[in-house]
């Protein structure tokens, strides 16, 4: 297993809709990639990670909400699709691809998803707790949406300005 590099905004991969995983792509190589994603998520540390966050434009996400009351444990969802949602929830979120930023984000309280597991078998999952929030956040990534797209234009602009300043300092610090 390997730790993958997590990319940050404003990387272009984070703004693209990820491609569906074809049934013939669900193989040992993809399962190794999923294991790498899980290891990367845990190392970060995070509770969810979408393939676009490691610069792979595929509709794959991993999540682990096992620290919550309902212990689902580590999971991988391929081509997840929300088929039902209801209620409203507002919770402060952070993101591995949007470092040093937190914001209150409105989400559905309950979600029901259809997805393929790592063996290509269709599954259904339903949740109305923390996992529901995590899954919606990661599916946003698969659709080219980051949490910055959920905040006001002013907050987004201020954050991106701050990140550009940090990136500029980092480039200047690297010897030529």
C-alpha atoms as a PDB file:
ATOM      1  CA  UNK A   1       0.000   0.000   0.000  1.00  0.00           C
ATOM      2  CA  UNK A   2       1.053   3.577  -0.613  1.00  0.00           C
ATOM      3  CA  UNK A   3       0.217   7.040   0.615  1.00  0.00           C
ATOM      4  CA  UNK A   4      -1.093   9.102  -2.296  1.00  0.00           C
ATOM      5  CA  UNK A   5      -0.610  12.850  -2.737  1.00  0.00           C
ATOM      6  CA  UNK A   6      -3.732  14.835  -1.889  1.00  0.00           C
ATOM      7  CA  UNK A   7      -4.165  17.816  -4.193  1.00  0.00           C
ATOM      8  CA  UNK A   8      -5.466  21.185  -3.012  1.00  0.00           C
ATOM      9  CA  UNK A   9      -7.725  23.809  -4.537  1.00  0.00           C
ATOM     10  CA  UNK A  10      -7.451  25.373  -7.055  1.00  0.00           C
ATOM     11  CA  UNK A  11      -6.150  22.235  -8.852  1.00  0.00           C
ATOM     12  CA  UNK A  12      -8.196  21.729 -12.069  1.00  0.00           C
ATOM     13  CA  UNK A  13      -8.994  18.043 -11.364  1.00  0.00           C
ATOM     14  CA  UNK A  14     -11.065  19.168  -8.370  1.00  0.00           C
ATOM     15  CA  UNK A  15     -13.366  21.164 -10.686  1.00  0.00           C
ATOM     16  CA  UNK A  16     -14.067  18.321 -13.163  1.00  0.00           C
ATOM     17  CA  UNK A  17     -16.894  15.799 -13.013  1.00  0.00           C
ATOM     18  CA  UNK A  18     -15.196  12.417 -12.454  1.00  0.00           C
ATOM     19  CA  UNK A  19     -15.687   9.620 -14.987  1.00  0.00           C
ATOM     20  CA  UNK A  20     -17.785   6.526 -14.285  1.00  0.00           C
ATOM     21  CA  UNK A  21     -15.860   3.338 -13.542  1.00  0.00           C
ATOM     22  CA  UNK A  22     -16.630   0.722 -16.197  1.00  0.00           C
ATOM     23  CA  UNK A  23     -17.468  -2.803 -14.931  1.00  0.00           C
ATOM     24  CA  UNK A  24     -14.297  -4.237 -16.529  1.00  0.00           C
ATOM     25  CA  UNK A  25     -12.195  -1.709 -14.555  1.00  0.00           C
ATOM     26  CA  UNK A  26     -13.233  -3.312 -11.248  1.00  0.00           C
ATOM     27  CA  UNK A  27     -10.216  -5.549 -10.795  1.00  0.00           C
ATOM     28  CA  UNK A  28      -7.241  -6.156  -8.512  1.00  0.00           C
ATOM     29  CA  UNK A  29      -5.539  -2.954  -9.676  1.00  0.00           C
ATOM     30  CA  UNK A  30      -8.594  -0.880  -8.713  1.00  0.00           C
ATOM     31  CA  UNK A  31      -8.850  -2.695  -5.359  1.00  0.00           C
ATOM     32  CA  UNK A  32      -5.177  -1.828  -4.654  1.00  0.00           C
ATOM     33  CA  UNK A  33      -5.954   1.809  -5.519  1.00  0.00           C
ATOM     34  CA  UNK A  34      -8.896   1.734  -3.072  1.00  0.00           C
ATOM     35  CA  UNK A  35      -6.582   0.359  -0.351  1.00  0.00           C
ATOM     36  CA  UNK A  36      -4.125   3.190  -1.083  1.00  0.00           C
ATOM     37  CA  UNK A  37      -6.983   5.690  -0.832  1.00  0.00           C
ATOM     38  CA  UNK A  38      -8.053   4.256   2.545  1.00  0.00           C
ATOM     39  CA  UNK A  39      -4.489   4.381   3.842  1.00  0.00           C
ATOM     40  CA  UNK A  40      -4.089   7.958   2.571  1.00  0.00           C
ATOM     41  CA  UNK A  41      -7.387   9.010   4.197  1.00  0.00           C
ATOM     42  CA  UNK A  42      -6.372   7.535   7.561  1.00  0.00           C
ATOM     43  CA  UNK A  43      -2.877   9.039   7.393  1.00  0.00           C
ATOM     44  CA  UNK A  44      -4.198  12.541   6.516  1.00  0.00           C
ATOM     45  CA  UNK A  45      -6.221  12.102   8.890  1.00  0.00           C
ATOM     46  CA  UNK A  46      -9.687  12.273   7.383  1.00  0.00           C
ATOM     47  CA  UNK A  47     -13.046  10.494   7.383  1.00  0.00           C
ATOM     48  CA  UNK A  48     -13.593  10.568   3.617  1.00  0.00           C
ATOM     49  CA  UNK A  49     -11.604  10.863   0.409  1.00  0.00           C
ATOM     50  CA  UNK A  50     -12.663  10.981  -3.235  1.00  0.00           C
ATOM     51  CA  UNK A  51     -10.456   9.837  -6.119  1.00  0.00           C
ATOM     52  CA  UNK A  52     -10.297  13.365  -7.637  1.00  0.00           C
ATOM     53  CA  UNK A  53      -8.585  14.494  -4.420  1.00  0.00           C
ATOM     54  CA  UNK A  54      -5.652  12.243  -5.329  1.00  0.00           C
ATOM     55  CA  UNK A  55      -5.760  13.514  -8.932  1.00  0.00           C
ATOM     56  CA  UNK A  56      -7.647  10.514 -10.354  1.00  0.00           C
ATOM     57  CA  UNK A  57     -10.811  11.477 -12.222  1.00  0.00           C
ATOM     58  CA  UNK A  58     -12.840   8.348 -11.371  1.00  0.00           C
ATOM     59  CA  UNK A  59     -16.121   8.052  -9.463  1.00  0.00           C
ATOM     60  CA  UNK A  60     -14.619   6.321  -6.410  1.00  0.00           C
ATOM     61  CA  UNK A  61     -14.779   7.408  -2.795  1.00  0.00           C
ATOM     62  CA  UNK A  62     -13.745   5.938   0.518  1.00  0.00           C
ATOM     63  CA  UNK A  63     -15.149   6.758   3.945  1.00  0.00           C
ATOM     64  CA  UNK A  64     -14.815   5.649   7.533  1.00  0.00           C
ATOM     65  CA  UNK A  65     -17.403   6.832  10.049  1.00  0.00           C
ATOM     66  CA  UNK A  66     -16.598   4.074  12.538  1.00  0.00           C
ATOM     67  CA  UNK A  67     -15.943   6.557  15.330  1.00  0.00           C
ATOM     68  CA  UNK A  68     -19.626   7.454  15.354  1.00  0.00           C
ATOM     69  CA  UNK A  69     -22.532   5.665  17.085  1.00  0.00           C
ATOM     70  CA  UNK A  70     -23.338   3.598  13.980  1.00  0.00           C
ATOM     71  CA  UNK A  71     -20.092   1.830  13.140  1.00  0.00           C
ATOM     72  CA  UNK A  72     -19.960   1.192   9.402  1.00  0.00           C
ATOM     73  CA  UNK A  73     -16.177   0.889   9.301  1.00  0.00           C
ATOM     74  CA  UNK A  74     -13.997   1.648   6.281  1.00  0.00           C
ATOM     75  CA  UNK A  75     -15.900   1.454   3.001  1.00  0.00           C
ATOM     76  CA  UNK A  76     -15.365   2.066  -0.695  1.00  0.00           C
ATOM     77  CA  UNK A  77     -18.122   3.206  -3.037  1.00  0.00           C
ATOM     78  CA  UNK A  78     -17.752   3.012  -6.809  1.00  0.00           C
ATOM     79  CA  UNK A  79     -20.068   5.088  -9.009  1.00  0.00           C
ATOM     80  CA  UNK A  80     -22.155   6.225  -6.012  1.00  0.00           C
ATOM     81  CA  UNK A  81     -25.483   7.811  -6.830  1.00  0.00           C
ATOM     82  CA  UNK A  82     -27.842   9.496  -4.374  1.00  0.00           C
ATOM     83  CA  UNK A  83     -31.290   8.036  -4.999  1.00  0.00           C
ATOM     84  CA  UNK A  84     -33.150   9.634  -2.072  1.00  0.00           C
ATOM     85  CA  UNK A  85     -32.517  12.525   0.261  1.00  0.00           C
ATOM     86  CA  UNK A  86     -34.584  14.316   2.871  1.00  0.00           C
ATOM     87  CA  UNK A  87     -34.401  16.771   5.711  1.00  0.00           C
ATOM     88  CA  UNK A  88     -31.772  19.393   6.302  1.00  0.00           C
ATOM     89  CA  UNK A  89     -28.642  19.509   8.377  1.00  0.00           C
ATOM     90  CA  UNK A  90     -26.036  22.210   8.851  1.00  0.00           C
ATOM     91  CA  UNK A  91     -22.655  21.220  10.198  1.00  0.00           C
ATOM     92  CA  UNK A  92     -19.166  22.679  10.201  1.00  0.00           C
ATOM     93  CA  UNK A  93     -17.025  20.830   7.672  1.00  0.00           C
ATOM     94  CA  UNK A  94     -13.389  20.724   6.750  1.00  0.00           C
ATOM     95  CA  UNK A  95     -11.720  19.195   3.715  1.00  0.00           C
ATOM     96  CA  UNK A  96      -8.366  17.577   3.000  1.00  0.00           C
ATOM     97  CA  UNK A  97      -8.180  19.484  -0.320  1.00  0.00           C
ATOM     98  CA  UNK A  98      -9.105  22.814   1.264  1.00  0.00           C
ATOM     99  CA  UNK A  99      -6.530  23.082   4.078  1.00  0.00           C
ATOM    100  CA  UNK A 100      -7.009  25.491   6.962  1.00  0.00           C
ATOM    101  CA  UNK A 101     -10.640  26.211   6.090  1.00  0.00           C
ATOM    102  CA  UNK A 102     -13.849  25.288   7.866  1.00  0.00           C
ATOM    103  CA  UNK A 103     -17.397  26.382   7.116  1.00  0.00           C
ATOM    104  CA  UNK A 104     -20.999  25.626   7.982  1.00  0.00           C
ATOM    105  CA  UNK A 105     -22.437  23.686   5.017  1.00  0.00           C
ATOM    106  CA  UNK A 106     -26.113  22.817   4.441  1.00  0.00           C
ATOM    107  CA  UNK A 107     -26.661  19.161   3.592  1.00  0.00           C
ATOM    108  CA  UNK A 108     -29.558  16.730   3.523  1.00  0.00           C
ATOM    109  CA  UNK A 109     -30.094  14.981   6.843  1.00  0.00           C
ATOM    110  CA  UNK A 110     -30.846  11.565   5.337  1.00  0.00           C
ATOM    111  CA  UNK A 111     -29.451  10.034   2.170  1.00  0.00           C
ATOM    112  CA  UNK A 112     -29.902   6.742   0.381  1.00  0.00           C
ATOM    113  CA  UNK A 113     -27.251   5.746  -2.162  1.00  0.00           C
ATOM    114  CA  UNK A 114     -26.772   3.078  -4.776  1.00  0.00           C
ATOM    115  CA  UNK A 115     -23.188   2.097  -5.579  1.00  0.00           C
ATOM    116  CA  UNK A 116     -20.913  -0.740  -6.611  1.00  0.00           C
ATOM    117  CA  UNK A 117     -18.636  -2.385  -4.072  1.00  0.00           C
ATOM    118  CA  UNK A 118     -15.024  -3.367  -4.841  1.00  0.00           C
ATOM    119  CA  UNK A 119     -16.267  -6.633  -6.368  1.00  0.00           C
ATOM    120  CA  UNK A 120     -18.685  -4.893  -8.750  1.00  0.00           C
ATOM    121  CA  UNK A 121     -21.804  -5.874  -6.795  1.00  0.00           C
ATOM    122  CA  UNK A 122     -24.575  -3.285  -6.504  1.00  0.00           C
ATOM    123  CA  UNK A 123     -25.230  -2.123  -2.942  1.00  0.00           C
ATOM    124  CA  UNK A 124     -27.605   0.291  -1.205  1.00  0.00           C
ATOM    125  CA  UNK A 125     -26.692   2.298   1.880  1.00  0.00           C
ATOM    126  CA  UNK A 126     -28.896   4.631   3.881  1.00  0.00           C
ATOM    127  CA  UNK A 127     -27.863   6.939   6.716  1.00  0.00           C
ATOM    128  CA  UNK A 128     -29.120   9.945   8.639  1.00  0.00           C
ATOM    129  CA  UNK A 129     -26.041  10.605  10.763  1.00  0.00           C
ATOM    130  CA  UNK A 130     -22.453  11.680  10.298  1.00  0.00           C
ATOM    131  CA  UNK A 131     -21.897   9.218   7.444  1.00  0.00           C
ATOM    132  CA  UNK A 132     -24.654  10.945   5.423  1.00  0.00           C
ATOM    133  CA  UNK A 133     -22.697  14.212   5.642  1.00  0.00           C
ATOM    134  CA  UNK A 134     -19.402  12.530   4.696  1.00  0.00           C
ATOM    135  CA  UNK A 135     -20.935  10.788   1.684  1.00  0.00           C
ATOM    136  CA  UNK A 136     -22.542  13.998   0.387  1.00  0.00           C
ATOM    137  CA  UNK A 137     -19.228  15.855   0.788  1.00  0.00           C
ATOM    138  CA  UNK A 138     -17.308  13.178  -1.140  1.00  0.00           C
ATOM    139  CA  UNK A 139     -19.958  12.905  -3.878  1.00  0.00           C
ATOM    140  CA  UNK A 140     -19.605  16.670  -4.317  1.00  0.00           C
ATOM    141  CA  UNK A 141     -15.928  16.010  -5.126  1.00  0.00           C
ATOM    142  CA  UNK A 142     -16.959  13.435  -7.738  1.00  0.00           C
ATOM    143  CA  UNK A 143     -19.129  16.140  -9.319  1.00  0.00           C
ATOM    144  CA  UNK A 144     -16.361  18.761  -9.393  1.00  0.00           C
ATOM    145  CA  UNK A 145     -17.701  20.635  -6.370  1.00  0.00           C
ATOM    146  CA  UNK A 146     -15.623  21.612  -3.335  1.00  0.00           C
ATOM    147  CA  UNK A 147     -16.845  23.063  -0.074  1.00  0.00           C
ATOM    148  CA  UNK A 148     -15.723  26.465  -1.374  1.00  0.00           C
ATOM    149  CA  UNK A 149     -18.614  26.246  -3.845  1.00  0.00           C
ATOM    150  CA  UNK A 150     -21.004  26.184  -0.856  1.00  0.00           C
ATOM    151  CA  UNK A 151     -19.755  29.415   0.732  1.00  0.00           C
ATOM    152  CA  UNK A 152     -20.241  33.051  -0.236  1.00  0.00           C
ATOM    153  CA  UNK A 153     -18.174  34.427  -3.131  1.00  0.00           C
ATOM    154  CA  UNK A 154     -16.422  36.754  -0.660  1.00  0.00           C
ATOM    155  CA  UNK A 155     -15.321  33.902   1.651  1.00  0.00           C
ATOM    156  CA  UNK A 156     -14.197  31.856  -1.368  1.00  0.00           C
ATOM    157  CA  UNK A 157     -12.179  34.757  -2.813  1.00  0.00           C
ATOM    158  CA  UNK A 158     -10.519  35.504   0.544  1.00  0.00           C
ATOM    159  CA  UNK A 159      -9.529  31.860   0.999  1.00  0.00           C
ATOM    160  CA  UNK A 160      -8.147  31.492  -2.543  1.00  0.00           C
ATOM    161  CA  UNK A 161      -6.168  34.713  -2.129  1.00  0.00           C
ATOM    162  CA  UNK A 162      -4.687  33.361   1.120  1.00  0.00           C
ATOM    163  CA  UNK A 163      -3.763  30.039  -0.542  1.00  0.00           C
ATOM    164  CA  UNK A 164      -2.074  31.768  -3.504  1.00  0.00           C
ATOM    165  CA  UNK A 165      -0.009  33.820  -1.057  1.00  0.00           C
ATOM    166  CA  UNK A 166       1.067  30.653   0.815  1.00  0.00           C
ATOM    167  CA  UNK A 167       1.890  28.832  -2.446  1.00  0.00           C
ATOM    168  CA  UNK A 168       3.956  31.805  -3.635  1.00  0.00           C
ATOM    169  CA  UNK A 169       5.964  31.799  -0.372  1.00  0.00           C
ATOM    170  CA  UNK A 170       6.528  28.028  -0.686  1.00  0.00           C
ATOM    171  CA  UNK A 171       7.838  28.408  -4.259  1.00  0.00           C
ATOM    172  CA  UNK A 172      10.206  31.186  -3.183  1.00  0.00           C
ATOM    173  CA  UNK A 173      11.515  29.001  -0.329  1.00  0.00           C
ATOM    174  CA  UNK A 174      12.464  26.148  -2.695  1.00  0.00           C
ATOM    175  CA  UNK A 175      16.075  26.577  -3.953  1.00  0.00           C
ATOM    176  CA  UNK A 176      16.459  26.682  -7.741  1.00  0.00           C
END
